[in-house]
Amino acid sequence: MSQELEEAFHRSVVEGDARLSRTWPSLLATGAVGGIDVSIGILGLLVVEHETGSRLLGALAFGIGFIALTLANSELFTENFLVPVTSVAARRASPIAVLRLWLGTLVANLLGGWVMVGLIMMGLPELRETALRVGTHAASAGFGREAFASAMIGGAVITLMTWMERSTDSVPAKLVAAEAAGFLLAAATLQHAIVVSLEMFAALQVGAGFGYRHWLACFGWAAAGNILGGLGLVTVLRLIQVGPGSLEEERRLTTDGEETATVSSNREASPDGATQSPIR
């Protein structure tokens, strides 16, 4: 395995530990600003599409939201299909911790985004017609295999973006990955649970012909496809690419760290201050 691949995997594990160990307030705040950041991308898309009538140019502007995610260290629900999962694979965290992260980030993404798109619709009424068209198109995708396949691609695109960002220390390279992923999502109108939700929220707040029950069904279908695509098409294959050797190395580091912590604890607990060796 190349050194670059090994370093990318190690960065993912370390960052996964940090994400999974956050307190509830930190987790929810990070998720809320993630929803707000993507809403800024929605604003860019609506402004450009309103002025030019071009979805492709609007998709370029939508990438602003993903650039914000990268530079501001906020997170989307779908960005956590790789990084925290590597920590679980390295036995440094439990699946329950990942579910906690997913649920908290998801709810906060939606709430933060709902508030932000509401402000956009209130403050920029000239965008309402465009928002209604974009949101209605997102709501019309349906629940068939085409929509599910689109959602799988959307999940794979975002998870690939996450892996590319972990593979380099170059900020320009990270920004290219973010812009490229954002452009593909918007230009191809891929079913992404958070992006589709924010587009539909904007339409709902200006009198869309569908309701929140329809949004929930669309969201659930997109989220299921995102999870399957992100985990199955990217995360699992990347872990296989990394190989069992790196996984075992990360697990060994975890075990060594636990033993070191135990030794330190024994030393502090010793009444006479003598060094105590762990029993093997």
Foldseek 3Di string as FASTA:
>chain_A
DDPLLLQLLVLLLVVLVVLLPDDLVVLLVLLLVLLLLLLQLVVQLLVVCLVPVDLLNSLLSSLSSLLCCVVVVGDALLLLLARNVSNVLLVNDPVVSSVVSNVSSHVSSLVSLLVNLLVVCVVPVSSLVVLLVQLVVLLPPDQDPVLLLLLLVLLQLSLVLSSQLSSDPDSVSNSVSSSVSSSCCRVVVRLALSSSSSSNSNNVSSPHPDDVVSNVVSNVSSVVSSSCNNNVVPRVVSDVVVPVVSSVVSNVVSVVVVLVVVQVVVQVPDPVSDRDHDDD
